[in-house]
Amino acid sequence: MAAVSGMIRVMEKAARKAGQRLRRDFGEVEHLQVSRKGPADFVSKADQHSERTLYDELLAARPDWGFLMEEGGTIEGDPAKPRWIIDPLDGTSNFLHGIPHFAISIAVQEPRLDGKGWGDVIAGIVYQPITDESFWAEKTRGAWQQDRRLRVSARRHLDEALIATGIPFAGHGSTAEWGRIYAAIAPEVAGIRRFGAASLDLAWVAAGRYDGFWESGLQLWDTAAGCLLVREAGGFVSDWRGRSQPICAEEVLAGNDTLHSRLHKLVAGALKA
């Protein structure tokens, strides 16, 4: 096992502290399902509490770093220092409906050397509170689940591959575009899954549970840690055109080298039709 750096320890401590509260709150959601108002307000507060815990923990550890957060937006830090990218509760709809599939995602992104914007993601963690699974990666140091090294799936044939996706909802993403891609991929693969938490989908690609993943219309906090996990596990992440960005969010296509190439051809063909 690679020695765990101080930065990863800081991230895991923050994620586990926020995860304890999310586990307690998740236990209350079931009791709220029958109420007239429903659990939506409660879940929104759980999301905010998680983000506040993460913010407080990470700020105490790195007081001069900035933040990009789903709820709190951008908080500027020292422009020469990295920033934290945080999703305090990825899979909110699952949480809301009592489905135990959600995660906390934290990533570290460096500023560009020329001072114009942001560059590579150098560390990331995706923590699943219900299963107590911690998926983490550092640039050039590999991807890990707790102390076990992760590698993307070695499958080479689409008809053996299990592919994950995210389906557009409530105005997020293009249903027409997704439908064309689905129609191209579905007949070629062993199965398609939609579990509703992009950070976990990408972590599971890194762990070899899924063989590939596609989705569009995501945000940086959804994918920052997951993109690094896949790459450090030996996989590829790009947009629909095959371009590899520091964080792929608007268009995400992930898999091992062979399957990524084959999926990319299917996606490109579908969008030309």
Protein backbone atom coordinates (compact mmCIF):
# COMPACT_ATOMS: atom_id res chain seq x y z
CA MET A 1 0.00 0.00 0.00
CA ALA A 2 1.15 3.52 -0.76
CA ALA A 3 1.79 5.72 2.26
CA VAL A 4 -1.27 7.87 2.87
CA SER A 5 -0.37 11.55 2.56
CA GLY A 6 -1.37 14.23 4.99
CA MET A 7 -3.73 15.72 2.41
CA ILE A 8 -5.63 12.45 2.00
CA ARG A 9 -5.84 12.05 5.77
CA VAL A 10 -7.36 15.54 6.05
CA MET A 11 -9.91 14.74 3.35
CA GLU A 12 -10.85 11.38 4.81
CA LYS A 13 -11.22 12.79 8.32
CA ALA A 14 -13.58 15.50 7.00
CA ALA A 15 -15.57 13.03 4.89
CA ARG A 16 -16.00 10.56 7.73
CA LYS A 17 -17.11 13.28 10.15
CA ALA A 18 -19.71 14.57 7.69
CA GLY A 19 -20.67 10.97 6.86
CA GLN A 20 -21.52 10.19 10.49
CA ARG A 21 -24.12 12.96 10.47
CA LEU A 22 -25.49 11.85 7.10
CA ARG A 23 -25.92 8.29 8.39
CA ARG A 24 -27.92 9.58 11.36
CA ASP A 25 -30.01 11.84 9.16
CA PHE A 26 -30.61 9.05 6.66
CA GLY A 27 -32.05 6.95 9.47
CA GLU A 28 -34.66 9.67 10.04
CA VAL A 29 -35.76 9.94 6.40
CA GLU A 30 -37.84 6.74 6.54
CA HIS A 31 -39.95 8.17 9.36
CA LEU A 32 -40.57 11.38 7.41
CA GLN A 33 -41.85 9.68 4.24
CA VAL A 34 -45.40 9.54 5.60
CA SER A 35 -45.55 13.16 6.71
CA ARG A 36 -47.60 15.63 4.66
CA LYS A 37 -44.70 17.99 4.13
CA GLY A 38 -42.39 15.12 3.27
CA PRO A 39 -38.65 14.87 3.90
CA ALA A 40 -37.46 17.38 1.29
CA ASP A 41 -36.72 20.22 3.74
CA PHE A 42 -35.02 17.81 6.12
CA VAL A 43 -32.79 16.44 3.34
CA SER A 44 -31.89 19.95 2.21
CA LYS A 45 -30.73 20.72 5.75
CA ALA A 46 -28.78 17.45 5.88
CA ASP A 47 -27.01 18.51 2.68
CA GLN A 48 -26.18 21.91 4.17
CA HIS A 49 -24.99 20.42 7.47
CA SER A 50 -22.70 18.04 5.59
CA GLU A 51 -21.22 20.88 3.57
CA ARG A 52 -20.68 23.00 6.67
CA THR A 53 -18.87 20.16 8.42
CA LEU A 54 -16.63 19.62 5.41
CA TYR A 55 -15.95 23.34 5.09
CA ASP A 56 -15.04 23.75 8.75
CA GLU A 57 -12.75 20.71 8.79
CA LEU A 58 -10.95 21.56 5.56
CA LEU A 59 -10.64 25.27 6.37
CA ALA A 60 -9.03 24.43 9.71
CA ALA A 61 -6.51 22.19 7.96
CA ARG A 62 -5.72 24.51 5.03
CA PRO A 63 -6.86 28.04 5.99
CA ASP A 64 -5.47 29.72 2.86
CA TRP A 65 -7.13 27.43 0.31
CA GLY A 66 -10.28 28.36 -1.58
CA PHE A 67 -13.48 26.39 -2.08
CA LEU A 68 -15.93 25.47 -4.84
CA MET A 69 -19.04 23.97 -3.22
CA GLU A 70 -22.40 22.80 -4.49
CA GLU A 71 -24.36 24.79 -1.91
CA GLY A 72 -21.95 27.52 -0.85
CA GLY A 73 -20.56 28.40 -4.27
CA THR A 74 -17.07 29.82 -4.68
CA ILE A 75 -15.03 31.09 -1.74
CA GLU A 76 -11.74 32.59 -2.82
CA GLY A 77 -8.48 31.69 -1.14
CA ASP A 78 -4.85 32.45 -1.88
CA PRO A 79 -4.74 32.41 -5.72
CA ALA A 80 -1.37 30.65 -5.62
CA LYS A 81 -2.78 27.78 -3.57
CA PRO A 82 -5.11 24.88 -4.50
CA ARG A 83 -8.84 24.86 -3.89
CA TRP A 84 -11.26 22.28 -2.52
CA ILE A 85 -14.13 21.09 -4.73
CA ILE A 86 -16.94 19.65 -2.60
CA ASP A 87 -20.17 17.77 -3.17
CA PRO A 88 -21.54 17.20 0.34
CA LEU A 89 -24.30 14.80 -0.75
CA ASP A 90 -24.15 13.28 -4.22
CA GLY A 91 -27.31 11.25 -4.71
CA THR A 92 -29.73 13.60 -2.99
CA SER A 93 -32.77 12.03 -4.65
CA ASN A 94 -31.70 8.60 -3.40
CA PHE A 95 -31.26 10.01 0.10
CA LEU A 96 -34.65 11.70 -0.12
CA HIS A 97 -36.38 8.42 -1.00
CA GLY A 98 -34.57 6.29 1.55
CA ILE A 99 -32.32 4.57 -1.01
CA PRO A 100 -28.91 3.84 0.58
CA HIS A 101 -26.77 4.92 -2.37
CA PHE A 102 -25.14 8.32 -1.97
CA ALA A 103 -21.68 9.75 -1.35
CA ILE A 104 -19.50 12.65 -0.29
CA SER A 105 -17.01 13.85 -2.90
CA ILE A 106 -13.95 16.02 -2.19
CA ALA A 107 -11.24 16.98 -4.68
CA VAL A 108 -8.17 19.22 -4.70
CA GLN A 109 -7.48 21.31 -7.81
CA GLU A 110 -4.28 23.23 -8.45
CA PRO A 111 -4.13 26.71 -9.98
CA ARG A 112 -2.60 26.93 -13.45
CA LEU A 113 1.05 27.97 -13.52
CA ASP A 114 0.19 30.99 -15.67
CA GLY A 115 -2.30 32.16 -13.07
CA LYS A 116 -5.21 31.94 -15.51
CA GLY A 117 -7.79 29.69 -13.98
CA TRP A 118 -7.53 26.17 -12.65
CA GLY A 119 -5.51 23.18 -13.74
CA ASP A 120 -5.16 19.55 -12.72
CA VAL A 121 -6.96 17.74 -9.95
CA ILE A 122 -4.23 16.30 -7.73
CA ALA A 123 -6.25 14.45 -5.09
CA GLY A 124 -9.78 13.18 -4.60
CA ILE A 125 -11.92 11.06 -2.35
CA VAL A 126 -15.40 9.59 -2.75
CA TYR A 127 -16.82 8.34 0.54
CA GLN A 128 -19.96 6.21 0.77
CA PRO A 129 -21.27 6.60 4.34
CA ILE A 130 -23.69 3.65 4.39
CA THR A 131 -21.10 1.06 3.31
CA ASP A 132 -18.18 2.94 4.92
CA GLU A 133 -16.21 2.66 1.67
CA SER A 134 -13.54 5.24 0.95
CA PHE A 135 -12.24 5.54 -2.64
CA TRP A 136 -9.26 7.89 -2.93
CA ALA A 137 -6.56 8.87 -5.39
CA GLU A 138 -3.59 11.18 -5.74
CA LYS A 139 -2.06 12.24 -9.01
CA THR A 140 0.72 9.79 -10.06
CA ARG A 141 0.20 7.71 -6.88
CA GLY A 142 -2.67 5.50 -7.98
CA ALA A 143 -6.25 4.94 -6.88
CA TRP A 144 -7.23 3.04 -3.76
CA GLN A 145 -10.21 1.69 -1.84
CA GLN A 146 -9.10 1.94 1.75
CA ASP A 147 -5.72 0.14 1.47
CA ARG A 148 -6.47 -1.88 -1.70
CA ARG A 149 -5.08 -0.71 -5.03
CA LEU A 150 -7.75 -0.12 -7.66
CA ARG A 151 -7.58 -0.99 -11.35
CA VAL A 152 -10.21 -0.46 -14.00
CA SER A 153 -11.85 -3.53 -15.49
CA ALA A 154 -9.75 -5.57 -17.91
CA ARG A 155 -12.72 -6.50 -20.11
CA ARG A 156 -12.20 -5.82 -23.80
CA HIS A 157 -15.53 -6.78 -25.35
CA LEU A 158 -18.63 -4.63 -25.22
CA ASP A 159 -20.93 -7.64 -25.02
CA GLU A 160 -19.34 -8.47 -21.65
CA ALA A 161 -19.41 -4.90 -20.34
CA LEU A 162 -21.69 -3.39 -17.70
CA ILE A 163 -22.05 0.33 -18.33
CA ALA A 164 -23.37 3.02 -15.96
CA THR A 165 -25.14 6.21 -16.95
CA GLY A 166 -27.17 9.10 -15.63
CA ILE A 167 -30.56 9.81 -17.14
CA PRO A 168 -31.61 13.45 -17.72
CA PHE A 169 -34.25 14.69 -15.27
CA ALA A 170 -36.13 17.86 -14.40
CA GLY A 171 -34.49 19.92 -17.11
CA HIS A 172 -30.96 18.67 -16.42
CA GLY A 173 -29.31 17.31 -19.55
CA SER A 174 -30.70 16.55 -22.99
CA THR A 175 -33.18 13.69 -23.15
CA ALA A 176 -32.92 13.56 -26.96
CA GLU A 177 -29.12 13.32 -26.88
CA TRP A 178 -29.18 10.70 -24.13
CA GLY A 179 -31.75 8.68 -26.08
CA ARG A 180 -29.55 8.60 -29.19
CA ILE A 181 -26.52 7.49 -27.18
CA TYR A 182 -28.53 4.87 -25.31
CA ALA A 183 -29.91 3.48 -28.56
CA ALA A 184 -26.37 3.09 -29.88
CA ILE A 185 -24.83 1.56 -26.76
CA ALA A 186 -27.60 -0.64 -25.32
CA PRO A 187 -27.66 -3.28 -28.09
CA GLU A 188 -23.87 -3.71 -27.83
CA VAL A 189 -23.34 -4.21 -24.08
CA ALA A 190 -24.21 -6.73 -21.38
CA GLY A 191 -26.22 -4.21 -19.37
CA ILE A 192 -26.77 -0.58 -18.41
CA ARG A 193 -27.29 0.69 -14.85
CA ARG A 194 -28.53 3.99 -13.47
CA PHE A 195 -27.94 4.31 -9.71
CA GLY A 196 -28.13 8.09 -9.37
CA ALA A 197 -24.76 9.24 -7.98
CA ALA A 198 -22.14 10.16 -10.58
CA SER A 199 -19.24 10.30 -8.12
CA LEU A 200 -19.93 6.71 -7.09
CA ASP A 201 -20.42 5.62 -10.70
CA LEU A 202 -16.92 6.88 -11.50
CA ALA A 203 -15.46 5.36 -8.32
CA TRP A 204 -17.01 2.03 -9.31
CA VAL A 205 -15.46 2.30 -12.78
CA ALA A 206 -12.11 2.82 -11.06
CA ALA A 207 -12.81 -0.24 -8.91
CA GLY A 208 -13.73 -2.40 -11.91
CA ARG A 209 -17.34 -2.85 -10.79
CA TYR A 210 -18.54 -1.00 -13.86
CA ASP A 211 -16.74 -1.27 -17.18
CA GLY A 212 -17.72 2.18 -18.41
CA PHE A 213 -19.82 5.28 -17.76
CA TRP A 214 -21.40 8.11 -19.69
CA GLU A 215 -23.41 11.16 -18.64
CA SER A 216 -23.75 14.84 -19.54
CA GLY A 217 -24.93 17.99 -17.80
CA LEU A 218 -22.96 17.35 -14.61
CA GLN A 219 -21.15 19.88 -12.43
CA LEU A 220 -17.50 20.05 -11.41
CA TRP A 221 -18.24 18.83 -7.90
CA ASP A 222 -19.99 15.75 -9.30
CA THR A 223 -16.96 14.51 -11.20
CA ALA A 224 -13.73 16.13 -9.95
CA ALA A 225 -12.74 13.30 -7.60
CA GLY A 226 -14.23 10.57 -9.79
CA CYS A 227 -12.32 11.61 -12.92
CA LEU A 228 -9.04 11.38 -11.03
CA LEU A 229 -9.97 8.00 -9.56
CA VAL A 230 -10.60 6.52 -13.02
CA ARG A 231 -7.40 7.93 -14.48
CA GLU A 232 -5.25 6.82 -11.55
CA ALA A 233 -6.82 3.34 -11.82
CA GLY A 234 -5.55 3.12 -15.40
CA GLY A 235 -8.68 4.30 -17.21
CA PHE A 236 -9.61 7.13 -19.54
CA VAL A 237 -12.08 10.00 -19.11
CA SER A 238 -13.03 12.36 -21.92
CA ASP A 239 -15.86 14.36 -23.42
CA TRP A 240 -17.88 13.17 -26.45
CA ARG A 241 -15.12 14.35 -28.82
CA GLY A 242 -12.47 12.37 -26.98
CA ARG A 243 -10.87 15.43 -25.36
CA SER A 244 -9.45 14.88 -21.88
CA GLN A 245 -9.97 17.87 -19.58
CA PRO A 246 -8.71 18.23 -15.97
CA ILE A 247 -12.34 17.72 -14.94
CA CYS A 248 -14.90 16.35 -17.38
CA ALA A 249 -18.39 17.45 -16.37
CA GLU A 250 -20.56 18.67 -19.23
CA GLU A 251 -19.82 15.45 -21.12
CA VAL A 252 -18.28 12.43 -19.40
CA LEU A 253 -17.20 9.17 -21.02
CA ALA A 254 -15.10 6.78 -18.93
CA GLY A 255 -13.68 3.28 -19.23
CA ASN A 256 -10.50 1.30 -19.80
CA ASP A 257 -8.47 2.06 -22.93
CA THR A 258 -10.21 -0.44 -25.22
CA LEU A 259 -13.78 0.07 -24.03
CA HIS A 260 -13.41 3.84 -23.90
CA SER A 261 -12.36 3.82 -27.55
CA ARG A 262 -15.26 1.56 -28.56
CA LEU A 263 -17.80 3.54 -26.55
CA HIS A 264 -16.46 6.77 -28.03
CA LYS A 265 -17.06 5.46 -31.54
CA LEU A 266 -20.62 4.53 -30.64
CA VAL A 267 -21.30 7.93 -29.06
CA ALA A 268 -19.74 9.81 -31.99
CA GLY A 269 -21.81 7.79 -34.44
CA ALA A 270 -25.00 8.35 -32.48
CA LEU A 271 -24.54 12.11 -32.38
CA LYS A 272 -23.81 12.33 -36.10
CA ALA A 273 -27.06 10.55 -36.95
